[in-house]
Amino acid sequence: MTITEGVTMLQSSAGSHVFLVQADKNVLIDTGNPGQFDAIWAELRSLGVDSMAHILLTHHDVDHIGNARRLQEQTGASVWTSREEIPYIIGEKPRPGIKRIIQAIVRAEPPRITGSYSENQPFGDIQVIPAPGHTPGHVIFLYHRVLFIGDLLAVKRGTLRLFPSYLTWNSQAVLQSLALLKTLPFDWLCPAHGQPLPHNDAVERFLRQY
C-alpha cells in the first residue's frame, strides 16, 4: 500500500506494520512479527529492493523486532533503536508485565544493534522523535509530513485508540507524548496496528483531548 511517494506499507507484515521509505537510501521502519521474514523479503524483492541502508526500530516489542536479525543479514542494513530499548532487545532486561510472558512464548532473535538514536537525530530526511510511554524509549518518525507512530496509538475501525494499560509502561508519559503530536506537521498518521489515517478533523478532535 502506497501512502505517499516513496512510502510503502508492506502487505506482508499483517498484525504489526512494516514501512518502507525509499529516498536516496532504502530504510525500513520496524520489522513485524517473528516468522514473517520470507513474506517480507519476497515483497521487498517485488518492489525492486535487495539492499537496505537502515532498519529503524520504534521500540523493543517482539512484533516490531521480529525479523530484524534476518533482514539485517539479508540486506546489510544497520539497525538503530533508542538507548533505553537496547537492554530489552538483547535480553539484558526482562520485558515488564504481560510482555514477559509474550516474550517467553514468541521469541525473536535479536539483531546486532549498530547504535542508539541521539535526540532528534535525522536519517536523511527521516527525523527521530522521542515519544516514551508505551515503552521507556519508544520513538516516532517524521518523513515528509508522514508520521510513523509505532505503538503510541492504534487505529481500530478508522478511529484512534490508546493501548490498554497492561500493555503500557507509563500511561502518564503516553499522554505527554500525545501532546507532542499536536506540535508536529503531518498529513498522514501511520500506526503499527491499524490503517493509516489522513490528518483530518477526527484526528484533530482526538488529539485535542490531550
Protein backbone atom coordinates (compact mmCIF):
# COMPACT_ATOMS: atom_id res chain seq x y z
CA MET A 1 0.00 0.00 0.00
CA THR A 2 1.49 3.32 -1.09
CA ILE A 3 0.98 6.12 1.46
CA THR A 4 2.73 8.87 -0.45
CA GLU A 5 5.55 8.89 -2.97
CA GLY A 6 8.44 6.90 -1.52
CA VAL A 7 6.47 5.50 1.44
CA THR A 8 5.00 1.98 1.32
CA MET A 9 3.22 -0.05 3.98
CA LEU A 10 4.15 -3.67 3.34
CA GLN A 11 1.20 -6.02 2.93
CA SER A 12 3.28 -8.99 4.12
CA SER A 13 3.55 -7.72 7.70
CA ALA A 14 -0.01 -8.33 8.83
CA GLY A 15 -0.54 -7.72 12.53
CA SER A 16 2.25 -5.20 13.01
CA HIS A 17 3.07 -3.00 10.05
CA VAL A 18 6.44 -2.55 8.42
CA PHE A 19 7.00 0.63 6.42
CA LEU A 20 9.49 1.09 3.59
CA VAL A 21 10.86 4.58 2.95
CA GLN A 22 12.63 4.94 -0.39
CA ALA A 23 14.56 8.16 -0.84
CA ASP A 24 18.27 8.36 -1.60
CA LYS A 25 18.57 5.21 0.54
CA ASN A 26 16.19 2.40 1.46
CA VAL A 27 15.03 2.43 5.09
CA LEU A 28 12.70 0.07 6.96
CA ILE A 29 10.67 1.18 9.95
CA ASP A 30 10.11 -1.84 12.23
CA THR A 31 10.23 -5.45 11.07
CA GLY A 32 6.98 -7.21 12.01
CA ASN A 33 6.19 -10.42 13.85
CA PRO A 34 8.62 -13.35 14.04
CA GLY A 35 8.10 -15.79 11.19
CA GLN A 36 7.23 -13.20 8.54
CA PHE A 37 10.71 -12.87 7.05
CA ASP A 38 10.10 -14.91 3.89
CA ALA A 39 6.94 -12.95 3.02
CA ILE A 40 8.54 -9.59 3.81
CA TRP A 41 11.64 -10.39 1.80
CA ALA A 42 9.56 -11.58 -1.16
CA GLU A 43 7.56 -8.35 -1.11
CA LEU A 44 10.69 -6.22 -0.87
CA ARG A 45 12.16 -8.04 -3.87
CA SER A 46 8.92 -7.49 -5.80
CA LEU A 47 9.41 -3.77 -5.14
CA GLY A 48 12.94 -3.94 -6.52
CA VAL A 49 14.60 -3.73 -3.11
CA ASP A 50 17.54 -6.01 -2.42
CA SER A 51 19.57 -3.84 -0.06
CA MET A 52 18.74 -1.64 2.90
CA ALA A 53 20.70 1.21 4.46
CA HIS A 54 18.96 1.26 7.83
CA ILE A 55 16.38 -0.52 9.93
CA LEU A 56 14.85 1.92 12.42
CA LEU A 57 13.03 0.40 15.38
CA THR A 58 10.30 2.29 17.21
CA HIS A 59 10.69 0.09 20.31
CA HIS A 60 11.59 -3.34 21.67
CA ASP A 61 8.32 -5.29 21.45
CA VAL A 62 8.65 -8.66 19.75
CA ASP A 63 6.20 -7.77 16.98
CA HIS A 64 8.45 -4.87 15.97
CA ILE A 65 11.86 -6.54 16.16
CA GLY A 66 10.65 -9.95 14.96
CA ASN A 67 12.57 -10.09 11.67
CA ALA A 68 15.27 -7.50 12.30
CA ARG A 69 18.10 -10.01 12.55
CA ARG A 70 17.31 -11.87 9.32
CA LEU A 71 16.58 -8.68 7.39
CA GLN A 72 19.83 -7.22 8.66
CA GLU A 73 21.74 -10.28 7.48
CA GLN A 74 19.97 -10.34 4.11
CA THR A 75 20.23 -6.65 3.26
CA GLY A 76 23.32 -5.43 5.10
CA ALA A 77 21.29 -2.83 6.96
CA SER A 78 22.43 -1.08 10.10
CA VAL A 79 19.94 -1.40 12.98
CA TRP A 80 19.10 1.50 15.25
CA THR A 81 16.98 1.91 18.35
CA SER A 82 16.89 4.16 21.40
CA ARG A 83 19.36 3.60 24.22
CA GLU A 84 16.59 2.68 26.66
CA GLU A 85 15.33 -0.14 24.43
CA ILE A 86 18.64 -1.94 23.89
CA PRO A 87 18.68 -3.95 27.18
CA TYR A 88 15.24 -5.39 26.37
CA ILE A 89 16.17 -6.24 22.78
CA ILE A 90 19.40 -8.05 23.65
CA GLY A 91 17.92 -9.79 26.69
CA GLU A 92 19.73 -7.96 29.49
CA LYS A 93 16.38 -6.86 30.97
CA PRO A 94 13.12 -8.80 31.08
CA ARG A 95 10.16 -7.10 29.46
CA PRO A 96 7.71 -5.79 32.08
CA GLY A 97 4.31 -7.25 32.93
CA ILE A 98 2.46 -9.42 30.45
CA LYS A 99 5.15 -8.78 27.84
CA ARG A 100 7.44 -11.06 29.83
CA ILE A 101 5.00 -13.90 29.17
CA ILE A 102 4.70 -12.97 25.50
CA GLN A 103 8.48 -12.93 25.21
CA ALA A 104 8.67 -16.46 26.61
CA ILE A 105 6.14 -17.73 24.08
CA VAL A 106 7.05 -15.71 20.99
CA ARG A 107 10.79 -15.39 20.54
CA ALA A 108 12.73 -13.15 18.18
CA GLU A 109 16.44 -13.46 17.51
CA PRO A 110 17.90 -10.08 18.45
CA PRO A 111 19.67 -8.09 15.75
CA ARG A 112 23.14 -6.64 16.10
CA ILE A 113 22.45 -3.09 17.26
CA THR A 114 24.52 -0.59 15.29
CA GLY A 115 23.85 2.33 17.60
CA SER A 116 21.29 4.34 19.52
CA TYR A 117 19.47 7.48 18.45
CA SER A 118 20.67 10.83 19.64
CA GLU A 119 17.97 13.40 20.34
CA ASN A 120 16.17 14.45 17.13
CA GLN A 121 18.77 12.62 15.05
CA PRO A 122 17.94 12.59 11.32
CA PHE A 123 18.43 9.68 8.93
CA GLY A 124 18.40 11.61 5.70
CA ASP A 125 15.01 13.31 5.78
CA ILE A 126 13.66 10.98 8.48
CA GLN A 127 13.50 12.72 11.84
CA VAL A 128 13.63 10.62 15.02
CA ILE A 129 11.41 11.99 17.79
CA PRO A 130 11.37 10.57 21.35
CA ALA A 131 7.84 9.58 22.38
CA PRO A 132 8.13 7.40 25.51
CA GLY A 133 5.25 5.81 27.35
CA HIS A 134 4.35 2.60 25.57
CA THR A 135 7.92 1.58 26.38
CA PRO A 136 10.73 3.57 28.05
CA GLY A 137 12.50 4.50 24.83
CA HIS A 138 9.67 4.47 22.29
CA VAL A 139 10.26 6.82 19.35
CA ILE A 140 8.25 8.05 16.38
CA PHE A 141 9.48 9.18 12.96
CA LEU A 142 8.54 12.10 10.72
CA TYR A 143 9.28 11.94 6.99
CA HIS A 144 7.91 14.49 4.50
CA ARG A 145 4.74 15.03 6.57
CA VAL A 146 4.20 11.31 7.12
CA LEU A 147 4.29 10.46 10.85
CA PHE A 148 5.11 6.87 11.82
CA ILE A 149 3.81 6.44 15.38
CA GLY A 150 4.68 2.82 16.23
CA ASP A 151 2.59 1.85 19.26
CA LEU A 152 1.95 5.35 20.58
CA LEU A 153 -1.60 4.86 19.30
CA ALA A 154 -3.54 2.20 17.43
CA VAL A 155 -6.26 2.60 14.82
CA LYS A 156 -9.35 0.44 15.09
CA ARG A 157 -12.20 0.73 12.60
CA GLY A 158 -10.80 4.04 11.44
CA THR A 159 -10.64 5.53 14.94
CA LEU A 160 -7.59 6.31 17.07
CA ARG A 161 -7.29 4.28 20.26
CA LEU A 162 -4.98 4.24 23.27
CA PHE A 163 -3.32 0.95 24.10
CA PRO A 164 -4.62 -0.73 27.29
CA SER A 165 -2.69 -0.03 30.47
CA TYR A 166 -1.45 -3.62 30.78
CA LEU A 167 0.49 -3.12 27.52
CA THR A 168 1.79 0.31 28.56
CA TRP A 169 4.96 1.04 30.50
CA ASN A 170 3.92 4.53 31.72
CA SER A 171 0.45 5.93 30.98
CA GLN A 172 1.37 9.47 32.06
CA ALA A 173 4.32 9.50 29.67
CA VAL A 174 1.98 8.37 26.87
CA LEU A 175 -0.20 11.43 27.49
CA GLN A 176 2.83 13.72 27.32
CA SER A 177 3.89 12.10 24.05
CA LEU A 178 0.38 12.52 22.65
CA ALA A 179 0.55 16.24 23.44
CA LEU A 180 3.70 16.34 21.32
CA LEU A 181 1.76 15.17 18.24
CA LYS A 182 -0.17 18.44 18.24
CA THR A 183 3.06 20.32 17.51
CA LEU A 184 4.18 18.21 14.55
CA PRO A 185 3.44 18.95 10.87
CA PHE A 186 1.94 15.81 9.34
CA ASP A 187 -0.56 14.85 6.65
CA TRP A 188 -0.61 11.12 7.40
CA LEU A 189 -0.56 9.20 10.67
CA CYS A 190 0.84 5.68 10.24
CA PRO A 191 0.39 3.31 13.21
CA ALA A 192 1.87 -0.15 13.58
CA HIS A 193 -1.61 -1.51 14.30
CA GLY A 194 -4.47 -0.38 12.09
CA GLN A 195 -4.69 1.51 8.82
CA PRO A 196 -3.00 4.88 8.14
CA LEU A 197 -5.18 7.93 8.74
CA PRO A 198 -5.12 11.30 6.99
CA HIS A 199 -4.73 14.30 9.27
CA ASN A 200 -8.41 15.17 9.32
CA ASP A 201 -10.90 16.72 11.74
CA ALA A 202 -11.40 13.41 13.57
CA VAL A 203 -7.67 13.17 14.28
CA GLU A 204 -7.65 16.78 15.48
CA ARG A 205 -10.59 16.16 17.82
CA PHE A 206 -8.86 13.13 19.29
CA LEU A 207 -5.60 14.97 19.90
CA ARG A 208 -7.32 17.96 21.49
CA GLN A 209 -8.17 15.69 24.41
CA TYR A 210 -4.51 15.55 25.44
